[in-house]
Amino acid sequence: MIASRSSPETGAAGGPARHLPVMLREVVSSLKPKDGGKYIDATFGAGGHTRALLEAANCRVLAFDRDPRTVADAFGAVAEFGGRLTVVEAPFSEMLEIAPRHGFDQADGVLFDFGVSSMQLDEAERGFSFRFDGPLDMRMSASGISAADVVNEYGERELFRIISVLGEEKKAKFVARAIIDARKEKLFERTGELAKVVREAIHSKPGDIDPATRTFQALRIYVNDELGEIGKGLLAAEQLLKAGGVLAAISFHSLEDRLVKTFIQARSQVPATSRHAPEVKAAPLSFRSVQRKALTAGEEELKINPRARSAKLRVAERTDAPARGDDPLAALLDPIPSLDREPR
């Protein structure tokens, strides 16, 4: 079934996948799909992880993706699995509201595969990549502000914060100033134009990553509110998972992984307290961490899928304790520039 946030469910047929799922073996091993199980793929993409789950057991999968093109491409898989797969066009931050409508209020597993997909990076017209010249867009959905809106409308201080915090770019000050100076002559419309300005602002050495990498990452994360989405998604997963259900999250850079690690630690470890402080009763732990360190891709996978090089998989198992009401990620998310307002 293909479903929008509120549309009727329909089925159809579609095309092949164009993306290698990262750490596929580890994901299936962690989620342990079983007959009759219900699993949520919060980041459907090309559907590789979903397909593996459906082929491993006679289970059902509810998949989310906010990219309308991705959802359109899912018709073939929906038809192939005959009612066991439902794909919803919506951000995974809305799954707490949407999942129960499809009978997934007690899920056996929730999977996240954060970041941008290879298909999106390889399509120049989406504007995600500095490797291909295209419209400066970067929106995963078809709505909201674009990267062009940000670089053309935001002030120097705002650009500095976005690039330094979300891109972890040490030379964000120079990049922000270069953007401001360049747009006085001509507003940015193309990815190639922005990449050129950033490269000229940052003098790199041979062998360094492309100077535009961190700025493009920052803009993409900001435009799509990716870290805010992760925070909401993890809290939703806590409420939707049944006792014994598994949370599996794949991250590709330190900001994503920091949120996942902090969430799992906050929900699976009793906080340390001083013996001099008044005794405070700790809330019941809602998760059990499955491994001490994040799993990484093996050498065999890295040979055929270089994208997996930076991937980290963290896994936790839901206990029978009630979901907590507090947000352990609020402090981490607080310094992140907000998308609450439109460009000036």
C-alpha atoms as a PDB file:
ATOM      1  CA  MET A   1       0.000   0.000   0.000  1.00  0.00           C
ATOM      2  CA  ILE A   2       1.114   3.534  -0.775  1.00  0.00           C
ATOM      3  CA  ALA A   3      -0.323   6.149   1.557  1.00  0.00           C
ATOM      4  CA  SER A   4       0.156   9.865   2.052  1.00  0.00           C
ATOM      5  CA  ARG A   5      -0.283  11.412   5.475  1.00  0.00           C
ATOM      6  CA  SER A   6      -4.054  11.419   5.067  1.00  0.00           C
ATOM      7  CA  SER A   7      -4.755   9.963   1.618  1.00  0.00           C
ATOM      8  CA  PRO A   8      -6.541   6.679   0.880  1.00  0.00           C
ATOM      9  CA  GLU A   9      -4.279   3.676   0.421  1.00  0.00           C
ATOM     10  CA  THR A  10      -3.623   2.484  -3.113  1.00  0.00           C
ATOM     11  CA  GLY A  11      -1.413  -0.117  -4.767  1.00  0.00           C
ATOM     12  CA  ALA A  12       0.517  -0.134  -8.069  1.00  0.00           C
ATOM     13  CA  ALA A  13       3.708  -1.288  -9.710  1.00  0.00           C
ATOM     14  CA  GLY A  14       7.122   0.373 -10.061  1.00  0.00           C
ATOM     15  CA  GLY A  15      10.831   0.111 -10.818  1.00  0.00           C
ATOM     16  CA  PRO A  16      14.118  -1.248  -9.446  1.00  0.00           C
ATOM     17  CA  ALA A  17      16.275   0.029  -6.603  1.00  0.00           C
ATOM     18  CA  ARG A  18      19.217   2.308  -7.341  1.00  0.00           C
ATOM     19  CA  HIS A  19      20.936   2.275  -3.973  1.00  0.00           C
ATOM     20  CA  LEU A  20      22.945  -0.268  -1.975  1.00  0.00           C
ATOM     21  CA  PRO A  21      21.538  -0.659   1.551  1.00  0.00           C
ATOM     22  CA  VAL A  22      24.244  -0.097   4.157  1.00  0.00           C
ATOM     23  CA  MET A  23      25.109  -2.794   6.721  1.00  0.00           C
ATOM     24  CA  LEU A  24      22.263  -4.986   5.501  1.00  0.00           C
ATOM     25  CA  ARG A  25      23.442  -8.166   7.204  1.00  0.00           C
ATOM     26  CA  GLU A  26      23.936  -6.394  10.535  1.00  0.00           C
ATOM     27  CA  VAL A  27      20.519  -4.720  10.349  1.00  0.00           C
ATOM     28  CA  VAL A  28      18.658  -7.987   9.715  1.00  0.00           C
ATOM     29  CA  SER A  29      20.672  -9.748  12.416  1.00  0.00           C
ATOM     30  CA  SER A  30      19.839  -6.992  14.903  1.00  0.00           C
ATOM     31  CA  LEU A  31      16.103  -6.747  14.147  1.00  0.00           C
ATOM     32  CA  LYS A  32      15.632 -10.536  13.957  1.00  0.00           C
ATOM     33  CA  PRO A  33      12.496 -10.466  11.776  1.00  0.00           C
ATOM     34  CA  LYS A  34       9.936 -13.110  12.666  1.00  0.00           C
ATOM     35  CA  ASP A  35       6.707 -14.387  11.154  1.00  0.00           C
ATOM     36  CA  GLY A  36       3.809 -12.142  12.137  1.00  0.00           C
ATOM     37  CA  GLY A  37       6.159  -9.382  13.263  1.00  0.00           C
ATOM     38  CA  LYS A  38       5.584  -5.673  12.603  1.00  0.00           C
ATOM     39  CA  TYR A  39       8.553  -3.500  11.639  1.00  0.00           C
ATOM     40  CA  ILE A  40       8.858   0.195  10.865  1.00  0.00           C
ATOM     41  CA  ASP A  41      11.440   1.344   8.306  1.00  0.00           C
ATOM     42  CA  ALA A  42      11.547   5.031   9.145  1.00  0.00           C
ATOM     43  CA  THR A  43      13.793   5.880   6.181  1.00  0.00           C
ATOM     44  CA  PHE A  44      12.646   3.771   3.226  1.00  0.00           C
ATOM     45  CA  GLY A  45      14.955   5.162   0.508  1.00  0.00           C
ATOM     46  CA  ALA A  46      15.331   2.557  -2.234  1.00  0.00           C
ATOM     47  CA  GLY A  47      13.784  -0.067   0.025  1.00  0.00           C
ATOM     48  CA  GLY A  48      16.787  -2.378   0.416  1.00  0.00           C
ATOM     49  CA  HIS A  49      16.446  -2.817   4.157  1.00  0.00           C
ATOM     50  CA  THR A  50      12.681  -3.231   3.910  1.00  0.00           C
ATOM     51  CA  ARG A  51      13.043  -5.887   1.218  1.00  0.00           C
ATOM     52  CA  ALA A  52      15.509  -7.848   3.348  1.00  0.00           C
ATOM     53  CA  LEU A  53      13.120  -7.841   6.311  1.00  0.00           C
ATOM     54  CA  LEU A  54      10.158  -8.969   4.205  1.00  0.00           C
ATOM     55  CA  GLU A  55      12.202 -11.735   2.592  1.00  0.00           C
ATOM     56  CA  ALA A  56      13.559 -12.950   5.934  1.00  0.00           C
ATOM     57  CA  ALA A  57      10.138 -13.612   7.485  1.00  0.00           C
ATOM     58  CA  ASN A  58       6.413 -13.499   6.811  1.00  0.00           C
ATOM     59  CA  CYS A  59       6.197 -10.118   8.522  1.00  0.00           C
ATOM     60  CA  ARG A  60       4.761  -6.673   7.767  1.00  0.00           C
ATOM     61  CA  VAL A  61       6.660  -3.415   7.237  1.00  0.00           C
ATOM     62  CA  LEU A  62       5.410   0.143   7.511  1.00  0.00           C
ATOM     63  CA  ALA A  63       7.876   2.416   5.677  1.00  0.00           C
ATOM     64  CA  PHE A  64       8.195   6.202   5.794  1.00  0.00           C
ATOM     65  CA  ASP A  65       9.826   8.602   3.351  1.00  0.00           C
ATOM     66  CA  ARG A  66       9.176  12.301   2.800  1.00  0.00           C
ATOM     67  CA  ASP A  67      10.587  12.306  -0.732  1.00  0.00           C
ATOM     68  CA  PRO A  68       7.627  12.036  -3.161  1.00  0.00           C
ATOM     69  CA  ARG A  69       9.870  10.568  -5.874  1.00  0.00           C
ATOM     70  CA  THR A  70      11.017   7.811  -3.529  1.00  0.00           C
ATOM     71  CA  VAL A  71       7.443   6.972  -2.599  1.00  0.00           C
ATOM     72  CA  ALA A  72       6.438   6.870  -6.276  1.00  0.00           C
ATOM     73  CA  ASP A  73       9.278   4.420  -6.944  1.00  0.00           C
ATOM     74  CA  ALA A  74       7.950   2.129  -4.200  1.00  0.00           C
ATOM     75  CA  PHE A  75       4.857   0.988  -6.112  1.00  0.00           C
ATOM     76  CA  GLY A  76       6.624  -2.064  -7.508  1.00  0.00           C
ATOM     77  CA  ALA A  77       7.723  -3.322  -4.091  1.00  0.00           C
ATOM     78  CA  VAL A  78       4.270  -2.695  -2.651  1.00  0.00           C
ATOM     79  CA  ALA A  79       2.692  -4.814  -5.376  1.00  0.00           C
ATOM     80  CA  GLU A  80       5.352  -7.528  -5.072  1.00  0.00           C
ATOM     81  CA  PHE A  81       4.816  -8.147  -1.377  1.00  0.00           C
ATOM     82  CA  GLY A  82       1.044  -8.358  -1.593  1.00  0.00           C
ATOM     83  CA  GLY A  83      -0.206  -6.314   1.340  1.00  0.00           C
ATOM     84  CA  ARG A  84       2.740  -6.888   3.682  1.00  0.00           C
ATOM     85  CA  LEU A  85       4.288  -3.514   2.816  1.00  0.00           C
ATOM     86  CA  THR A  86       2.790  -0.062   3.355  1.00  0.00           C
ATOM     87  CA  VAL A  87       4.720   3.035   2.276  1.00  0.00           C
ATOM     88  CA  VAL A  88       3.731   6.447   3.642  1.00  0.00           C
ATOM     89  CA  GLU A  89       4.813   9.805   2.240  1.00  0.00           C
ATOM     90  CA  ALA A  90       5.637  11.630   5.477  1.00  0.00           C
ATOM     91  CA  PRO A  91       8.644  12.489   7.635  1.00  0.00           C
ATOM     92  CA  PHE A  92       9.386   9.891  10.298  1.00  0.00           C
ATOM     93  CA  SER A  93       8.874  12.564  12.961  1.00  0.00           C
ATOM     94  CA  GLU A  94       5.131  11.987  12.321  1.00  0.00           C
ATOM     95  CA  MET A  95       5.186   8.217  12.781  1.00  0.00           C
ATOM     96  CA  LEU A  96       3.801   8.328  16.323  1.00  0.00           C
ATOM     97  CA  GLU A  97       0.610   9.794  14.856  1.00  0.00           C
ATOM     98  CA  ILE A  98       0.549   7.750  11.632  1.00  0.00           C
ATOM     99  CA  ALA A  99       1.751   4.270  12.658  1.00  0.00           C
ATOM    100  CA  PRO A 100      -1.267   3.380  14.848  1.00  0.00           C
ATOM    101  CA  ARG A 101      -3.600   4.082  11.909  1.00  0.00           C
ATOM    102  CA  HIS A 102      -1.917   1.176  10.117  1.00  0.00           C
ATOM    103  CA  GLY A 103      -1.880  -1.156  13.133  1.00  0.00           C
ATOM    104  CA  PHE A 104       1.731  -0.466  14.131  1.00  0.00           C
ATOM    105  CA  ASP A 105       1.197   0.890  17.650  1.00  0.00           C
ATOM    106  CA  GLN A 106       3.074  -2.159  18.992  1.00  0.00           C
ATOM    107  CA  ALA A 107       6.102  -2.591  16.720  1.00  0.00           C
ATOM    108  CA  ASP A 108       8.685  -5.363  16.933  1.00  0.00           C
ATOM    109  CA  GLY A 109      11.389  -3.160  15.447  1.00  0.00           C
ATOM    110  CA  VAL A 110      12.121   0.367  14.229  1.00  0.00           C
ATOM    111  CA  LEU A 111      14.949   1.072  11.793  1.00  0.00           C
ATOM    112  CA  PHE A 112      16.534   4.443  10.953  1.00  0.00           C
ATOM    113  CA  ASP A 113      19.069   4.986   8.157  1.00  0.00           C
ATOM    114  CA  PHE A 114      19.818   8.691   8.463  1.00  0.00           C
ATOM    115  CA  GLY A 115      21.089  11.198   5.920  1.00  0.00           C
ATOM    116  CA  VAL A 116      20.698  11.597   2.183  1.00  0.00           C
ATOM    117  CA  SER A 117      20.430   8.636  -0.198  1.00  0.00           C
ATOM    118  CA  SER A 118      22.737   7.863  -3.096  1.00  0.00           C
ATOM    119  CA  MET A 119      19.851   8.462  -5.516  1.00  0.00           C
ATOM    120  CA  GLN A 120      19.351  11.978  -4.209  1.00  0.00           C
ATOM    121  CA  LEU A 121      23.070  12.753  -4.379  1.00  0.00           C
ATOM    122  CA  ASP A 122      23.350  11.424  -7.927  1.00  0.00           C
ATOM    123  CA  GLU A 123      20.401  13.451  -9.274  1.00  0.00           C
ATOM    124  CA  ALA A 124      21.855  16.855 -10.176  1.00  0.00           C
ATOM    125  CA  GLU A 125      18.435  18.465 -10.355  1.00  0.00           C
ATOM    126  CA  ARG A 126      17.910  17.839  -6.608  1.00  0.00           C
ATOM    127  CA  GLY A 127      20.828  20.144  -5.753  1.00  0.00           C
ATOM    128  CA  PHE A 128      22.299  17.983  -2.972  1.00  0.00           C
ATOM    129  CA  SER A 129      25.766  17.478  -4.425  1.00  0.00           C
ATOM    130  CA  PHE A 130      28.636  19.813  -5.240  1.00  0.00           C
ATOM    131  CA  ARG A 131      29.921  17.200  -7.696  1.00  0.00           C
ATOM    132  CA  PHE A 132      27.123  17.945 -10.173  1.00  0.00           C
ATOM    133  CA  ASP A 133      25.850  21.362 -11.186  1.00  0.00           C
ATOM    134  CA  GLY A 134      22.126  21.756 -10.595  1.00  0.00           C
ATOM    135  CA  PRO A 135      19.496  23.983  -8.971  1.00  0.00           C
ATOM    136  CA  LEU A 136      20.473  24.936  -5.405  1.00  0.00           C
ATOM    137  CA  ASP A 137      17.573  23.136  -3.747  1.00  0.00           C
ATOM    138  CA  MET A 138      18.433  20.275  -1.313  1.00  0.00           C
ATOM    139  CA  ARG A 139      14.854  19.703  -0.138  1.00  0.00           C
ATOM    140  CA  MET A 140      13.962  16.062   0.469  1.00  0.00           C
ATOM    141  CA  SER A 141      10.288  16.938   0.199  1.00  0.00           C
ATOM    142  CA  ALA A 142       8.692  19.289  -2.302  1.00  0.00           C
ATOM    143  CA  SER A 143       7.966  21.995   0.263  1.00  0.00           C
ATOM    144  CA  GLY A 144       9.675  24.436   2.609  1.00  0.00           C
ATOM    145  CA  ILE A 145      12.678  26.696   2.174  1.00  0.00           C
ATOM    146  CA  SER A 146      15.456  25.703  -0.213  1.00  0.00           C
ATOM    147  CA  ALA A 147      19.227  26.018   0.103  1.00  0.00           C
ATOM    148  CA  ALA A 148      19.050  28.950  -2.326  1.00  0.00           C
ATOM    149  CA  ASP A 149      16.651  30.726   0.040  1.00  0.00           C
ATOM    150  CA  VAL A 150      19.130  30.304   2.886  1.00  0.00           C
ATOM    151  CA  VAL A 151      22.277  31.527   1.116  1.00  0.00           C
ATOM    152  CA  ASN A 152      20.454  34.399  -0.595  1.00  0.00           C
ATOM    153  CA  GLU A 153      18.334  35.638   2.314  1.00  0.00           C
ATOM    154  CA  TYR A 154      20.021  34.851   5.620  1.00  0.00           C
ATOM    155  CA  GLY A 155      22.432  37.244   7.326  1.00  0.00           C
ATOM    156  CA  GLU A 156      26.139  36.626   7.819  1.00  0.00           C
ATOM    157  CA  ARG A 157      25.768  35.662  11.476  1.00  0.00           C
ATOM    158  CA  GLU A 158      23.024  33.137  10.691  1.00  0.00           C
ATOM    159  CA  LEU A 159      25.047  31.611   7.864  1.00  0.00           C
ATOM    160  CA  PHE A 160      28.068  31.351  10.154  1.00  0.00           C
ATOM    161  CA  ARG A 161      26.034  29.495  12.790  1.00  0.00           C
ATOM    162  CA  ILE A 162      24.531  27.076  10.285  1.00  0.00           C
ATOM    163  CA  ILE A 163      27.847  26.254   8.615  1.00  0.00           C
ATOM    164  CA  SER A 164      29.876  26.071  11.833  1.00  0.00           C
ATOM    165  CA  VAL A 165      27.370  24.068  13.894  1.00  0.00           C
ATOM    166  CA  LEU A 166      25.800  21.769  11.298  1.00  0.00           C
ATOM    167  CA  GLY A 167      28.809  21.507   9.000  1.00  0.00           C
ATOM    168  CA  GLU A 168      31.414  21.561  11.770  1.00  0.00           C
ATOM    169  CA  GLU A 169      33.383  23.832   9.437  1.00  0.00           C
ATOM    170  CA  LYS A 170      36.288  25.537  11.220  1.00  0.00           C
ATOM    171  CA  LYS A 171      36.480  28.239   8.552  1.00  0.00           C
ATOM    172  CA  ALA A 172      32.755  29.023   8.600  1.00  0.00           C
ATOM    173  CA  LYS A 173      33.466  32.715   9.194  1.00  0.00           C
ATOM    174  CA  PHE A 174      35.301  33.006   5.871  1.00  0.00           C
ATOM    175  CA  VAL A 175      32.646  31.008   4.022  1.00  0.00           C
ATOM    176  CA  ALA A 176      29.794  33.132   5.376  1.00  0.00           C
ATOM    177  CA  ARG A 177      31.570  36.357   4.443  1.00  0.00           C
ATOM    178  CA  ALA A 178      32.351  35.033   0.933  1.00  0.00           C
ATOM    179  CA  ILE A 179      28.685  34.120   0.393  1.00  0.00           C
ATOM    180  CA  ILE A 180      27.526  37.577   1.477  1.00  0.00           C
ATOM    181  CA  ASP A 181      30.043  39.283  -0.831  1.00  0.00           C
ATOM    182  CA  ALA A 182      29.225  37.054  -3.825  1.00  0.00           C
ATOM    183  CA  ARG A 183      25.458  37.501  -3.625  1.00  0.00           C
ATOM    184  CA  LYS A 184      25.836  41.295  -3.829  1.00  0.00           C
ATOM    185  CA  GLU A 185      26.846  40.757  -7.448  1.00  0.00           C
ATOM    186  CA  LYS A 186      24.457  37.893  -8.259  1.00  0.00           C
ATOM    187  CA  LEU A 187      22.088  35.734  -6.228  1.00  0.00           C
ATOM    188  CA  PHE A 188      22.942  32.049  -6.025  1.00  0.00           C
ATOM    189  CA  GLU A 189      20.881  29.741  -8.226  1.00  0.00           C
ATOM    190  CA  ARG A 190      23.149  26.751  -8.940  1.00  0.00           C
ATOM    191  CA  THR A 191      25.158  24.319  -6.825  1.00  0.00           C
ATOM    192  CA  GLY A 192      28.216  24.967  -8.971  1.00  0.00           C
ATOM    193  CA  GLU A 193      28.100  28.682  -8.155  1.00  0.00           C
ATOM    194  CA  LEU A 194      28.062  28.052  -4.417  1.00  0.00           C
ATOM    195  CA  ALA A 195      30.728  25.349  -4.559  1.00  0.00           C
ATOM    196  CA  LYS A 196      33.052  27.707  -6.452  1.00  0.00           C
ATOM    197  CA  VAL A 197      32.667  30.480  -3.863  1.00  0.00           C
ATOM    198  CA  VAL A 198      33.255  28.085  -0.946  1.00  0.00           C
ATOM    199  CA  ARG A 199      36.331  26.560  -2.569  1.00  0.00           C
ATOM    200  CA  GLU A 200      37.807  30.009  -3.126  1.00  0.00           C
ATOM    201  CA  ALA A 201      37.135  30.934   0.510  1.00  0.00           C
ATOM    202  CA  ILE A 202      38.842  27.821   1.882  1.00  0.00           C
ATOM    203  CA  HIS A 203      42.359  27.067   0.735  1.00  0.00           C
ATOM    204  CA  SER A 204      42.722  23.298   0.876  1.00  0.00           C
ATOM    205  CA  LYS A 205      45.743  21.064   0.546  1.00  0.00           C
ATOM    206  CA  PRO A 206      46.125  18.153  -1.887  1.00  0.00           C
ATOM    207  CA  GLY A 207      44.444  15.113  -0.401  1.00  0.00           C
ATOM    208  CA  ASP A 208      41.983  17.099   1.722  1.00  0.00           C
ATOM    209  CA  ILE A 209      38.248  16.575   1.290  1.00  0.00           C
ATOM    210  CA  ASP A 210      36.546  18.958  -1.112  1.00  0.00           C
ATOM    211  CA  PRO A 211      36.287  22.341   0.666  1.00  0.00           C
ATOM    212  CA  ALA A 212      32.575  22.513  -0.211  1.00  0.00           C
ATOM    213  CA  THR A 213      31.748  19.273   1.618  1.00  0.00           C
ATOM    214  CA  ARG A 214      30.952  20.673   5.060  1.00  0.00           C
ATOM    215  CA  THR A 215      29.044  23.717   3.811  1.00  0.00           C
ATOM    216  CA  PHE A 216      26.802  21.568   1.597  1.00  0.00           C
ATOM    217  CA  GLN A 217      26.251  19.151   4.498  1.00  0.00           C
ATOM    218  CA  ALA A 218      25.275  22.029   6.784  1.00  0.00           C
ATOM    219  CA  LEU A 219      22.782  23.480   4.326  1.00  0.00           C
ATOM    220  CA  ARG A 220      21.211  20.085   3.627  1.00  0.00           C
ATOM    221  CA  ILE A 221      20.810  19.309   7.330  1.00  0.00           C
ATOM    222  CA  TYR A 222      19.368  22.751   7.999  1.00  0.00           C
ATOM    223  CA  VAL A 223      16.925  22.841   5.076  1.00  0.00           C
ATOM    224  CA  ASN A 224      15.524  19.433   6.018  1.00  0.00           C
ATOM    225  CA  ASP A 225      15.772  19.932   9.813  1.00  0.00           C
ATOM    226  CA  GLU A 226      17.454  16.542   9.913  1.00  0.00           C
ATOM    227  CA  LEU A 227      18.654  16.628  13.516  1.00  0.00           C
ATOM    228  CA  GLY A 228      15.304  17.844  14.804  1.00  0.00           C
ATOM    229  CA  GLU A 229      13.693  14.999  12.877  1.00  0.00           C
ATOM    230  CA  ILE A 230      16.061  12.492  14.495  1.00  0.00           C
ATOM    231  CA  GLY A 231      15.171  13.711  17.969  1.00  0.00           C
ATOM    232  CA  LYS A 232      11.434  13.419  17.320  1.00  0.00           C
ATOM    233  CA  GLY A 233      11.863  10.062  15.594  1.00  0.00           C
ATOM    234  CA  LEU A 234      13.776   8.474  18.473  1.00  0.00           C
ATOM    235  CA  LEU A 235      11.178   9.630  21.001  1.00  0.00           C
ATOM    236  CA  ALA A 236       8.408   8.255  18.769  1.00  0.00           C
ATOM    237  CA  ALA A 237      10.184   4.900  18.444  1.00  0.00           C
ATOM    238  CA  GLU A 238      10.347   4.627  22.231  1.00  0.00           C
ATOM    239  CA  GLN A 239       6.564   4.863  22.408  1.00  0.00           C
ATOM    240  CA  LEU A 240       5.828   2.565  19.460  1.00  0.00           C
ATOM    241  CA  LEU A 241       8.159  -0.326  20.324  1.00  0.00           C
ATOM    242  CA  LYS A 242       6.723  -3.196  22.353  1.00  0.00           C
ATOM    243  CA  ALA A 243       8.705  -4.854  25.158  1.00  0.00           C
ATOM    244  CA  GLY A 244      11.532  -6.781  23.486  1.00  0.00           C
ATOM    245  CA  GLY A 245      11.254  -4.662  20.339  1.00  0.00           C
ATOM    246  CA  VAL A 246      14.484  -3.459  18.758  1.00  0.00           C
ATOM    247  CA  LEU A 247      15.653   0.028  17.850  1.00  0.00           C
ATOM    248  CA  ALA A 248      18.352   0.084  15.140  1.00  0.00           C
ATOM    249  CA  ALA A 249      19.835   3.371  13.923  1.00  0.00           C
ATOM    250  CA  ILE A 250      22.477   3.940  11.238  1.00  0.00           C
ATOM    251  CA  SER A 251      24.332   7.262  11.348  1.00  0.00           C
ATOM    252  CA  PHE A 252      26.818   8.712   8.882  1.00  0.00           C
ATOM    253  CA  HIS A 253      28.382  11.646  10.704  1.00  0.00           C
ATOM    254  CA  SER A 254      29.175  12.685  14.246  1.00  0.00           C
ATOM    255  CA  LEU A 255      26.142  14.928  14.786  1.00  0.00           C
ATOM    256  CA  GLU A 256      23.713  12.117  13.966  1.00  0.00           C
ATOM    257  CA  ASP A 257      25.617   9.518  15.961  1.00  0.00           C
ATOM    258  CA  ARG A 258      25.897  11.822  18.985  1.00  0.00           C
ATOM    259  CA  LEU A 259      22.104  12.109  19.149  1.00  0.00           C
ATOM    260  CA  VAL A 260      21.570   8.348  18.881  1.00  0.00           C
ATOM    261  CA  LYS A 261      24.292   7.540  21.408  1.00  0.00           C
ATOM    262  CA  THR A 262      22.988  10.124  23.886  1.00  0.00           C
ATOM    263  CA  PHE A 263      19.412   8.861  23.558  1.00  0.00           C
ATOM    264  CA  ILE A 264      20.339   5.210  24.113  1.00  0.00           C
ATOM    265  CA  GLN A 265      22.598   6.020  27.058  1.00  0.00           C
ATOM    266  CA  ALA A 266      19.932   8.196  28.694  1.00  0.00           C
ATOM    267  CA  ARG A 267      17.347   5.431  28.363  1.00  0.00           C
ATOM    268  CA  SER A 268      19.560   2.437  29.253  1.00  0.00           C
ATOM    269  CA  GLN A 269      21.867   3.686  32.036  1.00  0.00           C
ATOM    270  CA  VAL A 270      21.168   4.928  35.537  1.00  0.00           C
ATOM    271  CA  PRO A 271      22.612   8.456  35.739  1.00  0.00           C
ATOM    272  CA  ALA A 272      25.604   8.874  38.033  1.00  0.00           C
ATOM    273  CA  THR A 273      24.952  10.941  41.156  1.00  0.00           C
ATOM    274  CA  SER A 274      27.125  12.447  43.837  1.00  0.00           C
ATOM    275  CA  ARG A 275      27.031  10.770  47.247  1.00  0.00           C
ATOM    276  CA  HIS A 276      26.731  14.263  48.712  1.00  0.00           C
ATOM    277  CA  ALA A 277      23.592  15.108  46.716  1.00  0.00           C
ATOM    278  CA  PRO A 278      20.080  14.254  47.908  1.00  0.00           C
ATOM    279  CA  GLU A 279      18.955  10.832  46.722  1.00  0.00           C
ATOM    280  CA  VAL A 280      16.703  11.027  43.667  1.00  0.00           C
ATOM    281  CA  LYS A 281      14.722   8.031  42.479  1.00  0.00           C
ATOM    282  CA  ALA A 282      15.751   7.224  38.901  1.00  0.00           C
ATOM    283  CA  ALA A 283      13.077   6.626  36.273  1.00  0.00           C
ATOM    284  CA  PRO A 284      12.771   3.013  35.055  1.00  0.00           C
ATOM    285  CA  LEU A 285      15.066   2.275  32.110  1.00  0.00           C
ATOM    286  CA  SER A 286      13.100   1.965  28.882  1.00  0.00           C
ATOM    287  CA  PHE A 287      15.912   0.440  26.788  1.00  0.00           C
ATOM    288  CA  ARG A 288      18.731  -2.060  27.141  1.00  0.00           C
ATOM    289  CA  SER A 289      21.826  -1.319  25.068  1.00  0.00           C
ATOM    290  CA  VAL A 290      22.685  -4.352  22.936  1.00  0.00           C
ATOM    291  CA  GLN A 291      26.357  -3.544  22.390  1.00  0.00           C
ATOM    292  CA  ARG A 292      28.905  -1.238  24.039  1.00  0.00           C
ATOM    293  CA  LYS A 293      30.236   0.251  20.801  1.00  0.00           C
ATOM    294  CA  ALA A 294      28.588   1.053  17.509  1.00  0.00           C
ATOM    295  CA  LEU A 295      28.824  -1.602  14.802  1.00  0.00           C
ATOM    296  CA  THR A 296      30.657  -0.684  11.600  1.00  0.00           C
ATOM    297  CA  ALA A 297      30.698  -2.168   8.110  1.00  0.00           C
ATOM    298  CA  GLY A 298      33.035  -5.071   7.390  1.00  0.00           C
ATOM    299  CA  GLU A 299      35.878  -5.080   4.867  1.00  0.00           C
ATOM    300  CA  GLU A 300      33.857  -7.117   2.361  1.00  0.00           C
ATOM    301  CA  GLU A 301      31.074  -4.545   2.277  1.00  0.00           C
ATOM    302  CA  LEU A 302      33.486  -1.617   2.061  1.00  0.00           C
ATOM    303  CA  LYS A 303      34.964  -3.049  -1.131  1.00  0.00           C
ATOM    304  CA  ILE A 304      31.637  -2.869  -2.948  1.00  0.00           C
ATOM    305  CA  ASN A 305      30.019   0.060  -1.124  1.00  0.00           C
ATOM    306  CA  PRO A 306      32.393   2.890  -0.091  1.00  0.00           C
ATOM    307  CA  ARG A 307      29.393   4.822   1.304  1.00  0.00           C
ATOM    308  CA  ALA A 308      29.387   2.404   4.215  1.00  0.00           C
ATOM    309  CA  ARG A 309      32.801   3.606   5.396  1.00  0.00           C
ATOM    310  CA  SER A 310      31.385   6.225   7.754  1.00  0.00           C
ATOM    311  CA  ALA A 311      28.306   4.248   8.833  1.00  0.00           C
ATOM    312  CA  LYS A 312      27.713   3.394  12.485  1.00  0.00           C
ATOM    313  CA  LEU A 313      24.898   1.141  13.657  1.00  0.00           C
ATOM    314  CA  ARG A 314      23.647   1.392  17.232  1.00  0.00           C
ATOM    315  CA  VAL A 315      21.091  -1.075  18.586  1.00  0.00           C
ATOM    316  CA  ALA A 316      18.960  -1.116  21.711  1.00  0.00           C
ATOM    317  CA  GLU A 317      16.163  -3.367  22.971  1.00  0.00           C
ATOM    318  CA  ARG A 318      12.958  -2.010  24.512  1.00  0.00           C
ATOM    319  CA  THR A 319      12.220  -3.015  28.085  1.00  0.00           C
ATOM    320  CA  ASP A 320       8.752  -3.280  29.596  1.00  0.00           C
ATOM    321  CA  ALA A 321       9.138   0.079  31.375  1.00  0.00           C
ATOM    322  CA  PRO A 322       6.787   2.842  30.196  1.00  0.00           C
ATOM    323  CA  ALA A 323       8.071   5.420  27.727  1.00  0.00           C
ATOM    324  CA  ARG A 324       9.665   8.408  29.459  1.00  0.00           C
ATOM    325  CA  GLY A 325       8.255  11.918  29.094  1.00  0.00           C
ATOM    326  CA  ASP A 326      11.566  13.793  29.240  1.00  0.00           C
ATOM    327  CA  ASP A 327      13.676  14.652  26.183  1.00  0.00           C
ATOM    328  CA  PRO A 328      17.347  13.721  26.701  1.00  0.00           C
ATOM    329  CA  LEU A 329      18.296  15.364  23.390  1.00  0.00           C
ATOM    330  CA  ALA A 330      16.987  18.843  24.140  1.00  0.00           C
ATOM    331  CA  ALA A 331      20.345  20.136  25.388  1.00  0.00           C
ATOM    332  CA  LEU A 332      22.159  18.799  22.317  1.00  0.00           C
ATOM    333  CA  LEU A 333      19.605  20.254  19.911  1.00  0.00           C
ATOM    334  CA  ASP A 334      19.424  23.665  21.605  1.00  0.00           C
ATOM    335  CA  PRO A 335      22.506  25.222  19.879  1.00  0.00           C
ATOM    336  CA  ILE A 336      21.297  24.143  16.443  1.00  0.00           C
ATOM    337  CA  PRO A 337      19.907  26.972  14.249  1.00  0.00           C
ATOM    338  CA  SER A 338      16.124  26.808  14.135  1.00  0.00           C
ATOM    339  CA  LEU A 339      13.900  26.444  11.093  1.00  0.00           C
ATOM    340  CA  ASP A 340      10.995  28.075  12.927  1.00  0.00           C
ATOM    341  CA  ARG A 341      11.051  31.209  10.785  1.00  0.00           C
ATOM    342  CA  GLU A 342      11.077  32.000   7.096  1.00  0.00           C
ATOM    343  CA  PRO A 343      14.019  33.778   5.407  1.00  0.00           C
ATOM    344  CA  ARG A 344      14.178  37.543   5.857  1.00  0.00           C
END
